[in-house]
Amino acid sequence: MIRRGGGAIVNQTSTATYINTPSRMNYNVSKGGLVPMTKTMARELGAHNIRVNAIAPGPVATEALKGVPQEALDRIKAAQCIPRLAEPKDLAGAMLFLVSSMSAWMSG
């Protein structure tokens, strides 16, 4: 990206960064580490015209949720403003915005 004169990086963290679900310490910590990593990368790479941002979606209907009891999923959905699990395609708009020229002055 430096040789090309710039670019955009979008990391995917999670609301687990802020909620800290019990029994998921490894996941919570790994996603939580992406927040300061994203901010540090944004500062370090900004001079090279490389933007770095992150999205933090809530629960997404993927293999990662297989095995989660339905009652737990129902509680999660009920606590959200939009009471459903996200689909992977729901993240596409935010990702496309963050890699497009429409967010050319947005980093970190």
PDB file of N, CA and C in Angstrom:
ATOM      1  N   MET A   1       0.825  -1.197   0.000  1.00  0.00           N
ATOM      2  CA  MET A   1       0.000   0.000   0.000  1.00  0.00           C
ATOM      3  C   MET A   1       0.861   1.249   0.000  1.00  0.00           C
ATOM      4  N   ILE A   2       1.976   1.186   0.730  1.00  0.00           N
ATOM      5  CA  ILE A   2       2.863   2.356   0.746  1.00  0.00           C
ATOM      6  C   ILE A   2       3.402   2.596  -0.661  1.00  0.00           C
ATOM      7  N   ARG A   3       3.839   1.519  -1.338  1.00  0.00           N
ATOM      8  CA  ARG A   3       4.370   1.672  -2.705  1.00  0.00           C
ATOM      9  C   ARG A   3       3.315   2.174  -3.674  1.00  0.00           C
ATOM     10  N   ARG A   4       2.059   1.777  -3.459  1.00  0.00           N
ATOM     11  CA  ARG A   4       0.968   2.212  -4.338  1.00  0.00           C
ATOM     12  C   ARG A   4       0.507   3.629  -4.039  1.00  0.00           C
ATOM     13  N   GLY A   5       0.939   4.186  -2.928  1.00  0.00           N
ATOM     14  CA  GLY A   5       0.546   5.546  -2.587  1.00  0.00           C
ATOM     15  C   GLY A   5      -0.679   5.656  -1.710  1.00  0.00           C
ATOM     16  N   GLY A   6      -1.100   4.559  -1.119  1.00  0.00           N
ATOM     17  CA  GLY A   6      -2.224   4.642  -0.190  1.00  0.00           C
ATOM     18  C   GLY A   6      -3.128   3.441  -0.263  1.00  0.00           C
ATOM     19  N   GLY A   7      -4.179   3.503   0.531  1.00  0.00           N
ATOM     20  CA  GLY A   7      -5.151   2.426   0.569  1.00  0.00           C
ATOM     21  C   GLY A   7      -6.015   2.522   1.802  1.00  0.00           C
ATOM     22  N   ALA A   8      -6.790   1.497   2.013  1.00  0.00           N
ATOM     23  CA  ALA A   8      -7.696   1.459   3.166  1.00  0.00           C
ATOM     24  C   ALA A   8      -7.698   0.063   3.759  1.00  0.00           C
ATOM     25  N   ILE A   9      -7.651  -0.003   5.070  1.00  0.00           N
ATOM     26  CA  ILE A   9      -7.721  -1.242   5.816  1.00  0.00           C
ATOM     27  C   ILE A   9      -8.937  -1.147   6.733  1.00  0.00           C
ATOM     28  N   VAL A  10      -9.741  -2.190   6.760  1.00  0.00           N
ATOM     29  CA  VAL A  10     -10.888  -2.234   7.665  1.00  0.00           C
ATOM     30  C   VAL A  10     -10.773  -3.513   8.496  1.00  0.00           C
ATOM     31  N   ASN A  11     -10.581  -3.343   9.787  1.00  0.00           N
ATOM     32  CA  ASN A  11     -10.542  -4.461  10.713  1.00  0.00           C
ATOM     33  C   ASN A  11     -11.953  -4.729  11.221  1.00  0.00           C
ATOM     34  N   GLN A  12     -12.237  -5.981  11.518  1.00  0.00           N
ATOM     35  CA  GLN A  12     -13.542  -6.314  12.087  1.00  0.00           C
ATOM     36  C   GLN A  12     -13.366  -6.736  13.531  1.00  0.00           C
ATOM     37  N   THR A  13     -13.808  -5.862  14.422  1.00  0.00           N
ATOM     38  CA  THR A  13     -13.812  -6.177  15.840  1.00  0.00           C
ATOM     39  C   THR A  13     -15.216  -6.665  16.185  1.00  0.00           C
ATOM     40  N   SER A  14     -15.710  -6.403  17.336  1.00  0.00           N
ATOM     41  CA  SER A  14     -17.001  -6.937  17.749  1.00  0.00           C
ATOM     42  C   SER A  14     -17.531  -6.153  18.934  1.00  0.00           C
ATOM     43  N   THR A  15     -18.826  -6.223  19.133  1.00  0.00           N
ATOM     44  CA  THR A  15     -19.391  -5.622  20.339  1.00  0.00           C
ATOM     45  C   THR A  15     -18.916  -6.376  21.581  1.00  0.00           C
ATOM     46  N   ALA A  16     -18.338  -7.558  21.403  1.00  0.00           N
ATOM     47  CA  ALA A  16     -17.755  -8.290  22.539  1.00  0.00           C
ATOM     48  C   ALA A  16     -16.660  -7.472  23.208  1.00  0.00           C
ATOM     49  N   THR A  17     -16.087  -6.531  22.465  1.00  0.00           N
ATOM     50  CA  THR A  17     -15.089  -5.623  23.028  1.00  0.00           C
ATOM     51  C   THR A  17     -15.670  -4.837  24.203  1.00  0.00           C
ATOM     52  N   TYR A  18     -16.942  -4.530  24.118  1.00  0.00           N
ATOM     53  CA  TYR A  18     -17.593  -3.683  25.110  1.00  0.00           C
ATOM     54  C   TYR A  18     -18.490  -4.458  26.066  1.00  0.00           C
ATOM     55  N   ILE A  19     -18.988  -5.623  25.631  1.00  0.00           N
ATOM     56  CA  ILE A  19     -19.937  -6.392  26.429  1.00  0.00           C
ATOM     57  C   ILE A  19     -19.234  -7.439  27.289  1.00  0.00           C
ATOM     58  N   ASN A  20     -18.175  -8.049  26.778  1.00  0.00           N
ATOM     59  CA  ASN A  20     -17.407  -9.067  27.504  1.00  0.00           C
ATOM     60  C   ASN A  20     -18.270 -10.228  27.971  1.00  0.00           C
ATOM     61  N   THR A  21     -18.698 -11.011  27.020  1.00  0.00           N
ATOM     62  CA  THR A  21     -19.527 -12.174  27.294  1.00  0.00           C
ATOM     63  C   THR A  21     -18.773 -13.203  28.135  1.00  0.00           C
ATOM     64  N   PRO A  22     -19.366 -13.690  29.226  1.00  0.00           N
ATOM     65  CA  PRO A  22     -18.701 -14.714  30.040  1.00  0.00           C
ATOM     66  C   PRO A  22     -18.376 -15.964  29.215  1.00  0.00           C
ATOM     67  N   SER A  23     -17.327 -16.665  29.592  1.00  0.00           N
ATOM     68  CA  SER A  23     -16.882 -17.901  28.955  1.00  0.00           C
ATOM     69  C   SER A  23     -16.341 -17.708  27.542  1.00  0.00           C
ATOM     70  N   ARG A  24     -16.066 -16.469  27.137  1.00  0.00           N
ATOM     71  CA  ARG A  24     -15.526 -16.210  25.800  1.00  0.00           C
ATOM     72  C   ARG A  24     -14.301 -15.303  25.893  1.00  0.00           C
ATOM     73  N   MET A  25     -13.478 -15.517  26.929  1.00  0.00           N
ATOM     74  CA  MET A  25     -12.354 -14.618  27.170  1.00  0.00           C
ATOM     75  C   MET A  25     -11.428 -14.512  25.958  1.00  0.00           C
ATOM     76  N   ASN A  26     -11.071 -15.626  25.353  1.00  0.00           N
ATOM     77  CA  ASN A  26     -10.150 -15.566  24.214  1.00  0.00           C
ATOM     78  C   ASN A  26     -10.717 -14.700  23.090  1.00  0.00           C
ATOM     79  N   TYR A  27     -11.982 -14.880  22.791  1.00  0.00           N
ATOM     80  CA  TYR A  27     -12.638 -14.086  21.747  1.00  0.00           C
ATOM     81  C   TYR A  27     -12.694 -12.615  22.150  1.00  0.00           C
ATOM     82  N   ASN A  28     -13.150 -12.347  23.379  1.00  0.00           N
ATOM     83  CA  ASN A  28     -13.266 -10.959  23.846  1.00  0.00           C
ATOM     84  C   ASN A  28     -11.927 -10.234  23.769  1.00  0.00           C
ATOM     85  N   VAL A  29     -10.871 -10.891  24.225  1.00  0.00           N
ATOM     86  CA  VAL A  29      -9.546 -10.273  24.233  1.00  0.00           C
ATOM     87  C   VAL A  29      -9.034 -10.054  22.814  1.00  0.00           C
ATOM     88  N   SER A  30      -9.219 -11.035  21.941  1.00  0.00           N
ATOM     89  CA  SER A  30      -8.715 -10.881  20.574  1.00  0.00           C
ATOM     90  C   SER A  30      -9.440  -9.758  19.848  1.00  0.00           C
ATOM     91  N   LYS A  31     -10.724  -9.668  20.007  1.00  0.00           N
ATOM     92  CA  LYS A  31     -11.476  -8.586  19.354  1.00  0.00           C
ATOM     93  C   LYS A  31     -11.178  -7.242  20.023  1.00  0.00           C
ATOM     94  N   GLY A  32     -11.026  -7.249  21.341  1.00  0.00           N
ATOM     95  CA  GLY A  32     -10.705  -6.012  22.058  1.00  0.00           C
ATOM     96  C   GLY A  32      -9.358  -5.454  21.641  1.00  0.00           C
ATOM     97  N   GLY A  33      -8.404  -6.309  21.362  1.00  0.00           N
ATOM     98  CA  GLY A  33      -7.082  -5.857  20.933  1.00  0.00           C
ATOM     99  C   GLY A  33      -7.085  -5.161  19.590  1.00  0.00           C
ATOM    100  N   LEU A  34      -8.117  -5.405  18.791  1.00  0.00           N
ATOM    101  CA  LEU A  34      -8.182  -4.766  17.473  1.00  0.00           C
ATOM    102  C   LEU A  34      -8.455  -3.264  17.555  1.00  0.00           C
ATOM    103  N   VAL A  35      -9.084  -2.814  18.620  1.00  0.00           N
ATOM    104  CA  VAL A  35      -9.393  -1.380  18.737  1.00  0.00           C
ATOM    105  C   VAL A  35      -8.118  -0.544  18.864  1.00  0.00           C
ATOM    106  N   PRO A  36      -7.239  -0.798  19.852  1.00  0.00           N
ATOM    107  CA  PRO A  36      -6.004  -0.008  19.903  1.00  0.00           C
ATOM    108  C   PRO A  36      -5.085  -0.291  18.722  1.00  0.00           C
ATOM    109  N   MET A  37      -5.127  -1.509  18.179  1.00  0.00           N
ATOM    110  CA  MET A  37      -4.317  -1.797  16.992  1.00  0.00           C
ATOM    111  C   MET A  37      -4.760  -0.933  15.819  1.00  0.00           C
ATOM    112  N   THR A  38      -6.067  -0.802  15.627  1.00  0.00           N
ATOM    113  CA  THR A  38      -6.603   0.019  14.541  1.00  0.00           C
ATOM    114  C   THR A  38      -6.196   1.477  14.714  1.00  0.00           C
ATOM    115  N   LYS A  39      -6.316   1.994  15.921  1.00  0.00           N
ATOM    116  CA  LYS A  39      -5.961   3.393  16.176  1.00  0.00           C
ATOM    117  C   LYS A  39      -4.463   3.634  15.971  1.00  0.00           C
ATOM    118  N   THR A  40      -3.643   2.691  16.416  1.00  0.00           N
ATOM    119  CA  THR A  40      -2.195   2.828  16.250  1.00  0.00           C
ATOM    120  C   THR A  40      -1.816   2.753  14.777  1.00  0.00           C
ATOM    121  N   MET A  41      -2.389   1.808  14.069  1.00  0.00           N
ATOM    122  CA  MET A  41      -2.109   1.692  12.631  1.00  0.00           C
ATOM    123  C   MET A  41      -2.536   2.958  11.890  1.00  0.00           C
ATOM    124  N   ALA A  42      -3.677   3.522  12.278  1.00  0.00           N
ATOM    125  CA  ALA A  42      -4.153   4.746  11.621  1.00  0.00           C
ATOM    126  C   ALA A  42      -3.136   5.872  11.777  1.00  0.00           C
ATOM    127  N   ARG A  43      -2.592   6.019  12.982  1.00  0.00           N
ATOM    128  CA  ARG A  43      -1.576   7.059  13.220  1.00  0.00           C
ATOM    129  C   ARG A  43      -0.290   6.763  12.467  1.00  0.00           C
ATOM    130  N   GLU A  44       0.157   5.514  12.490  1.00  0.00           N
ATOM    131  CA  GLU A  44       1.419   5.160  11.856  1.00  0.00           C
ATOM    132  C   GLU A  44       1.355   5.195  10.332  1.00  0.00           C
ATOM    133  N   LEU A  45       0.211   4.866   9.768  1.00  0.00           N
ATOM    134  CA  LEU A  45       0.115   4.747   8.317  1.00  0.00           C
ATOM    135  C   LEU A  45      -0.523   5.955   7.633  1.00  0.00           C
ATOM    136  N   GLY A  46      -1.111   6.850   8.411  1.00  0.00           N
ATOM    137  CA  GLY A  46      -1.774   8.018   7.833  1.00  0.00           C
ATOM    138  C   GLY A  46      -0.860   8.859   6.959  1.00  0.00           C
ATOM    139  N   ALA A  47       0.383   9.007   7.346  1.00  0.00           N
ATOM    140  CA  ALA A  47       1.333   9.797   6.552  1.00  0.00           C
ATOM    141  C   ALA A  47       1.577   9.178   5.179  1.00  0.00           C
ATOM    142  N   HIS A  48       1.247   7.908   5.018  1.00  0.00           N
ATOM    143  CA  HIS A  48       1.413   7.212   3.747  1.00  0.00           C
ATOM    144  C   HIS A  48       0.093   7.126   2.977  1.00  0.00           C
ATOM    145  N   ASN A  49      -0.901   7.918   3.392  1.00  0.00           N
ATOM    146  CA  ASN A  49      -2.212   7.942   2.760  1.00  0.00           C
ATOM    147  C   ASN A  49      -2.923   6.586   2.877  1.00  0.00           C
ATOM    148  N   ILE A  50      -2.681   5.906   3.984  1.00  0.00           N
ATOM    149  CA  ILE A  50      -3.366   4.645   4.260  1.00  0.00           C
ATOM    150  C   ILE A  50      -4.304   4.879   5.438  1.00  0.00           C
ATOM    151  N   ARG A  51      -5.579   4.668   5.201  1.00  0.00           N
ATOM    152  CA  ARG A  51      -6.593   4.839   6.241  1.00  0.00           C
ATOM    153  C   ARG A  51      -6.864   3.496   6.895  1.00  0.00           C
ATOM    154  N   VAL A  52      -7.054   3.503   8.211  1.00  0.00           N
ATOM    155  CA  VAL A  52      -7.334   2.269   8.948  1.00  0.00           C
ATOM    156  C   VAL A  52      -8.541   2.520   9.850  1.00  0.00           C
ATOM    157  N   ASN A  53      -9.561   1.714   9.678  1.00  0.00           N
ATOM    158  CA  ASN A  53     -10.769   1.826  10.480  1.00  0.00           C
ATOM    159  C   ASN A  53     -11.204   0.435  10.918  1.00  0.00           C
ATOM    160  N   ALA A  54     -12.230   0.388  11.737  1.00  0.00           N
ATOM    161  CA  ALA A  54     -12.777  -0.892  12.192  1.00  0.00           C
ATOM    162  C   ALA A  54     -14.288  -0.786  12.296  1.00  0.00           C
ATOM    163  N   ILE A  55     -14.928  -1.903  12.106  1.00  0.00           N
ATOM    164  CA  ILE A  55     -16.357  -1.996  12.387  1.00  0.00           C
ATOM    165  C   ILE A  55     -16.514  -2.960  13.561  1.00  0.00           C
ATOM    166  N   ALA A  56     -17.571  -2.759  14.336  1.00  0.00           N
ATOM    167  CA  ALA A  56     -17.819  -3.596  15.516  1.00  0.00           C
ATOM    168  C   ALA A  56     -19.272  -4.054  15.501  1.00  0.00           C
ATOM    169  N   PRO A  57     -19.578  -5.028  14.640  1.00  0.00           N
ATOM    170  CA  PRO A  57     -20.965  -5.486  14.586  1.00  0.00           C
ATOM    171  C   PRO A  57     -21.338  -6.292  15.819  1.00  0.00           C
ATOM    172  N   GLY A  58     -22.610  -6.371  16.035  1.00  0.00           N
ATOM    173  CA  GLY A  58     -23.133  -7.266  17.059  1.00  0.00           C
ATOM    174  C   GLY A  58     -23.126  -8.680  16.508  1.00  0.00           C
ATOM    175  N   PRO A  59     -23.947  -9.552  17.061  1.00  0.00           N
ATOM    176  CA  PRO A  59     -23.927 -10.941  16.644  1.00  0.00           C
ATOM    177  C   PRO A  59     -24.360 -11.119  15.187  1.00  0.00           C
ATOM    178  N   VAL A  60     -23.557 -11.884  14.463  1.00  0.00           N
ATOM    179  CA  VAL A  60     -23.804 -12.150  13.041  1.00  0.00           C
ATOM    180  C   VAL A  60     -24.093 -13.636  12.889  1.00  0.00           C
ATOM    181  N   ALA A  61     -25.101 -13.953  12.113  1.00  0.00           N
ATOM    182  CA  ALA A  61     -25.510 -15.347  11.908  1.00  0.00           C
ATOM    183  C   ALA A  61     -24.458 -16.075  11.072  1.00  0.00           C
ATOM    184  N   THR A  62     -23.459 -16.616  11.768  1.00  0.00           N
ATOM    185  CA  THR A  62     -22.392 -17.379  11.127  1.00  0.00           C
ATOM    186  C   THR A  62     -22.167 -18.654  11.923  1.00  0.00           C
ATOM    187  N   GLU A  63     -21.199 -19.435  11.480  1.00  0.00           N
ATOM    188  CA  GLU A  63     -20.841 -20.666  12.183  1.00  0.00           C
ATOM    189  C   GLU A  63     -20.459 -20.401  13.638  1.00  0.00           C
ATOM    190  N   ALA A  64     -19.939 -19.206  13.920  1.00  0.00           N
ATOM    191  CA  ALA A  64     -19.503 -18.881  15.279  1.00  0.00           C
ATOM    192  C   ALA A  64     -20.660 -18.956  16.285  1.00  0.00           C
ATOM    193  N   LEU A  65     -21.880 -18.795  15.818  1.00  0.00           N
ATOM    194  CA  LEU A  65     -23.032 -18.841  16.729  1.00  0.00           C
ATOM    195  C   LEU A  65     -23.673 -20.218  16.810  1.00  0.00           C
ATOM    196  N   LYS A  66     -23.195 -21.144  15.999  1.00  0.00           N
ATOM    197  CA  LYS A  66     -23.728 -22.512  16.091  1.00  0.00           C
ATOM    198  C   LYS A  66     -23.434 -23.050  17.491  1.00  0.00           C
ATOM    199  N   GLY A  67     -24.404 -23.659  18.079  1.00  0.00           N
ATOM    200  CA  GLY A  67     -24.215 -24.204  19.417  1.00  0.00           C
ATOM    201  C   GLY A  67     -24.625 -23.255  20.527  1.00  0.00           C
ATOM    202  N   VAL A  68     -24.877 -21.977  20.191  1.00  0.00           N
ATOM    203  CA  VAL A  68     -25.374 -21.053  21.211  1.00  0.00           C
ATOM    204  C   VAL A  68     -26.854 -21.391  21.425  1.00  0.00           C
ATOM    205  N   PRO A  69     -27.270 -21.618  22.647  1.00  0.00           N
ATOM    206  CA  PRO A  69     -28.670 -21.976  22.898  1.00  0.00           C
ATOM    207  C   PRO A  69     -29.638 -20.923  22.355  1.00  0.00           C
ATOM    208  N   GLN A  70     -30.747 -21.392  21.812  1.00  0.00           N
ATOM    209  CA  GLN A  70     -31.739 -20.491  21.228  1.00  0.00           C
ATOM    210  C   GLN A  70     -32.221 -19.455  22.233  1.00  0.00           C
ATOM    211  N   GLU A  71     -32.381 -19.849  23.494  1.00  0.00           N
ATOM    212  CA  GLU A  71     -32.846 -18.884  24.501  1.00  0.00           C
ATOM    213  C   GLU A  71     -31.839 -17.750  24.680  1.00  0.00           C
ATOM    214  N   ALA A  72     -30.561 -18.042  24.576  1.00  0.00           N
ATOM    215  CA  ALA A  72     -29.532 -17.002  24.678  1.00  0.00           C
ATOM    216  C   ALA A  72     -29.606 -16.082  23.463  1.00  0.00           C
ATOM    217  N   LEU A  73     -29.783 -16.667  22.271  1.00  0.00           N
ATOM    218  CA  LEU A  73     -29.913 -15.837  21.059  1.00  0.00           C
ATOM    219  C   LEU A  73     -31.153 -14.950  21.136  1.00  0.00           C
ATOM    220  N   ASP A  74     -32.233 -15.486  21.667  1.00  0.00           N
ATOM    221  CA  ASP A  74     -33.463 -14.700  21.809  1.00  0.00           C
ATOM    222  C   ASP A  74     -33.251 -13.517  22.754  1.00  0.00           C
ATOM    223  N   ARG A  75     -32.511 -13.718  23.861  1.00  0.00           N
ATOM    224  CA  ARG A  75     -32.218 -12.618  24.797  1.00  0.00           C
ATOM    225  C   ARG A  75     -31.354 -11.553  24.112  1.00  0.00           C
ATOM    226  N   ILE A  76     -30.358 -12.001  23.365  1.00  0.00           N
ATOM    227  CA  ILE A  76     -29.479 -11.062  22.653  1.00  0.00           C
ATOM    228  C   ILE A  76     -30.296 -10.226  21.674  1.00  0.00           C
ATOM    229  N   LYS A  77     -31.120 -10.906  20.879  1.00  0.00           N
ATOM    230  CA  LYS A  77     -31.926 -10.189  19.878  1.00  0.00           C
ATOM    231  C   LYS A  77     -32.886  -9.198  20.545  1.00  0.00           C
ATOM    232  N   ALA A  78     -33.497  -9.598  21.644  1.00  0.00           N
ATOM    233  CA  ALA A  78     -34.460  -8.735  22.330  1.00  0.00           C
ATOM    234  C   ALA A  78     -33.803  -7.469  22.884  1.00  0.00           C
ATOM    235  N   ALA A  79     -32.517  -7.522  23.192  1.00  0.00           N
ATOM    236  CA  ALA A  79     -31.807  -6.369  23.767  1.00  0.00           C
ATOM    237  C   ALA A  79     -31.310  -5.386  22.703  1.00  0.00           C
ATOM    238  N   GLN A  80     -31.418  -5.748  21.450  1.00  0.00           N
ATOM    239  CA  GLN A  80     -30.896  -4.892  20.367  1.00  0.00           C
ATOM    240  C   GLN A  80     -31.958  -3.955  19.830  1.00  0.00           C
ATOM    241  N   CYS A  81     -31.535  -2.849  19.255  1.00  0.00           N
ATOM    242  CA  CYS A  81     -32.471  -1.903  18.633  1.00  0.00           C
ATOM    243  C   CYS A  81     -33.192  -2.543  17.445  1.00  0.00           C
ATOM    244  N   ILE A  82     -32.462  -3.299  16.657  1.00  0.00           N
ATOM    245  CA  ILE A  82     -33.051  -4.079  15.568  1.00  0.00           C
ATOM    246  C   ILE A  82     -33.006  -5.528  16.039  1.00  0.00           C
ATOM    247  N   PRO A  83     -34.126  -6.068  16.460  1.00  0.00           N
ATOM    248  CA  PRO A  83     -34.122  -7.350  17.176  1.00  0.00           C
ATOM    249  C   PRO A  83     -33.970  -8.583  16.281  1.00  0.00           C
ATOM    250  N   ARG A  84     -32.806  -8.684  15.643  1.00  0.00           N
ATOM    251  CA  ARG A  84     -32.485  -9.869  14.857  1.00  0.00           C
ATOM    252  C   ARG A  84     -30.971  -9.988  14.779  1.00  0.00           C
ATOM    253  N   LEU A  85     -30.507 -11.171  14.432  1.00  0.00           N
ATOM    254  CA  LEU A  85     -29.083 -11.349  14.184  1.00  0.00           C
ATOM    255  C   LEU A  85     -28.748 -10.708  12.844  1.00  0.00           C
ATOM    256  N   ALA A  86     -27.563 -10.166  12.741  1.00  0.00           N
ATOM    257  CA  ALA A  86     -27.119  -9.633  11.461  1.00  0.00           C
ATOM    258  C   ALA A  86     -26.793 -10.797  10.535  1.00  0.00           C
ATOM    259  N   GLU A  87     -26.910 -10.548   9.262  1.00  0.00           N
ATOM    260  CA  GLU A  87     -26.435 -11.471   8.234  1.00  0.00           C
ATOM    261  C   GLU A  87     -25.102 -10.911   7.741  1.00  0.00           C
ATOM    262  N   PRO A  88     -24.198 -11.746   7.267  1.00  0.00           N
ATOM    263  CA  PRO A  88     -22.922 -11.228   6.766  1.00  0.00           C
ATOM    264  C   PRO A  88     -23.092 -10.086   5.762  1.00  0.00           C
ATOM    265  N   LYS A  89     -24.123 -10.162   4.913  1.00  0.00           N
ATOM    266  CA  LYS A  89     -24.352  -9.102   3.922  1.00  0.00           C
ATOM    267  C   LYS A  89     -24.689  -7.754   4.569  1.00  0.00           C
ATOM    268  N   ASP A  90     -25.158  -7.774   5.824  1.00  0.00           N
ATOM    269  CA  ASP A  90     -25.473  -6.524   6.520  1.00  0.00           C
ATOM    270  C   ASP A  90     -24.225  -5.689   6.796  1.00  0.00           C
ATOM    271  N   LEU A  91     -23.055  -6.307   6.797  1.00  0.00           N
ATOM    272  CA  LEU A  91     -21.807  -5.597   7.066  1.00  0.00           C
ATOM    273  C   LEU A  91     -21.220  -4.968   5.811  1.00  0.00           C
ATOM    274  N   ALA A  92     -21.709  -5.383   4.656  1.00  0.00           N
ATOM    275  CA  ALA A  92     -21.113  -4.959   3.386  1.00  0.00           C
ATOM    276  C   ALA A  92     -21.170  -3.446   3.169  1.00  0.00           C
ATOM    277  N   GLY A  93     -22.264  -2.805   3.497  1.00  0.00           N
ATOM    278  CA  GLY A  93     -22.397  -1.360   3.273  1.00  0.00           C
ATOM    279  C   GLY A  93     -21.358  -0.557   4.048  1.00  0.00           C
ATOM    280  N   ALA A  94     -21.167  -0.899   5.319  1.00  0.00           N
ATOM    281  CA  ALA A  94     -20.172  -0.205   6.138  1.00  0.00           C
ATOM    282  C   ALA A  94     -18.772  -0.442   5.589  1.00  0.00           C
ATOM    283  N   MET A  95     -18.495  -1.687   5.199  1.00  0.00           N
ATOM    284  CA  MET A  95     -17.179  -2.003   4.641  1.00  0.00           C
ATOM    285  C   MET A  95     -16.925  -1.226   3.357  1.00  0.00           C
ATOM    286  N   LEU A  96     -17.907  -1.222   2.463  1.00  0.00           N
ATOM    287  CA  LEU A  96     -17.746  -0.510   1.187  1.00  0.00           C
ATOM    288  C   LEU A  96     -17.544   0.987   1.408  1.00  0.00           C
ATOM    289  N   PHE A  97     -18.283   1.557   2.346  1.00  0.00           N
ATOM    290  CA  PHE A  97     -18.105   2.974   2.661  1.00  0.00           C
ATOM    291  C   PHE A  97     -16.686   3.245   3.147  1.00  0.00           C
ATOM    292  N   LEU A  98     -16.194   2.418   4.048  1.00  0.00           N
ATOM    293  CA  LEU A  98     -14.878   2.659   4.648  1.00  0.00           C
ATOM    294  C   LEU A  98     -13.715   2.446   3.675  1.00  0.00           C
ATOM    295  N   VAL A  99     -13.908   1.678   2.629  1.00  0.00           N
ATOM    296  CA  VAL A  99     -12.836   1.520   1.645  1.00  0.00           C
ATOM    297  C   VAL A  99     -13.014   2.446   0.452  1.00  0.00           C
ATOM    298  N   SER A 100     -14.113   3.186   0.402  1.00  0.00           N
ATOM    299  CA  SER A 100     -14.388   4.064  -0.736  1.00  0.00           C
ATOM    300  C   SER A 100     -13.845   5.474  -0.511  1.00  0.00           C
ATOM    301  N   SER A 101     -13.868   6.253  -1.567  1.00  0.00           N
ATOM    302  CA  SER A 101     -13.430   7.650  -1.479  1.00  0.00           C
ATOM    303  C   SER A 101     -14.395   8.495  -0.642  1.00  0.00           C
ATOM    304  N   MET A 102     -15.607   8.006  -0.381  1.00  0.00           N
ATOM    305  CA  MET A 102     -16.556   8.755   0.446  1.00  0.00           C
ATOM    306  C   MET A 102     -16.062   8.905   1.879  1.00  0.00           C
ATOM    307  N   SER A 103     -15.124   8.068   2.301  1.00  0.00           N
ATOM    308  CA  SER A 103     -14.580   8.173   3.659  1.00  0.00           C
ATOM    309  C   SER A 103     -13.096   8.526   3.601  1.00  0.00           C
ATOM    310  N   ALA A 104     -12.723   9.305   2.596  1.00  0.00           N
ATOM    311  CA  ALA A 104     -11.308   9.609   2.339  1.00  0.00           C
ATOM    312  C   ALA A 104     -10.597  10.334   3.488  1.00  0.00           C
ATOM    313  N   TRP A 105     -11.333  10.974   4.355  1.00  0.00           N
ATOM    314  CA  TRP A 105     -10.708  11.716   5.457  1.00  0.00           C
ATOM    315  C   TRP A 105     -11.066  11.089   6.800  1.00  0.00           C
ATOM    316  N   MET A 106     -11.384   9.813   6.774  1.00  0.00           N
ATOM    317  CA  MET A 106     -11.797   9.113   7.990  1.00  0.00           C
ATOM    318  C   MET A 106     -10.785   8.013   8.278  1.00  0.00           C
ATOM    319  N   SER A 107     -10.154   8.096   9.426  1.00  0.00           N
ATOM    320  CA  SER A 107      -9.188   7.074   9.819  1.00  0.00           C
ATOM    321  C   SER A 107      -9.081   7.026  11.335  1.00  0.00           C
ATOM    322  N   GLY A 108      -8.940   5.818  11.845  1.00  0.00           N
ATOM    323  CA  GLY A 108      -8.713   5.640  13.273  1.00  0.00           C
ATOM    324  C   GLY A 108      -9.968   5.474  14.066  1.00  0.00           C
TER     325      GLY A 108
END
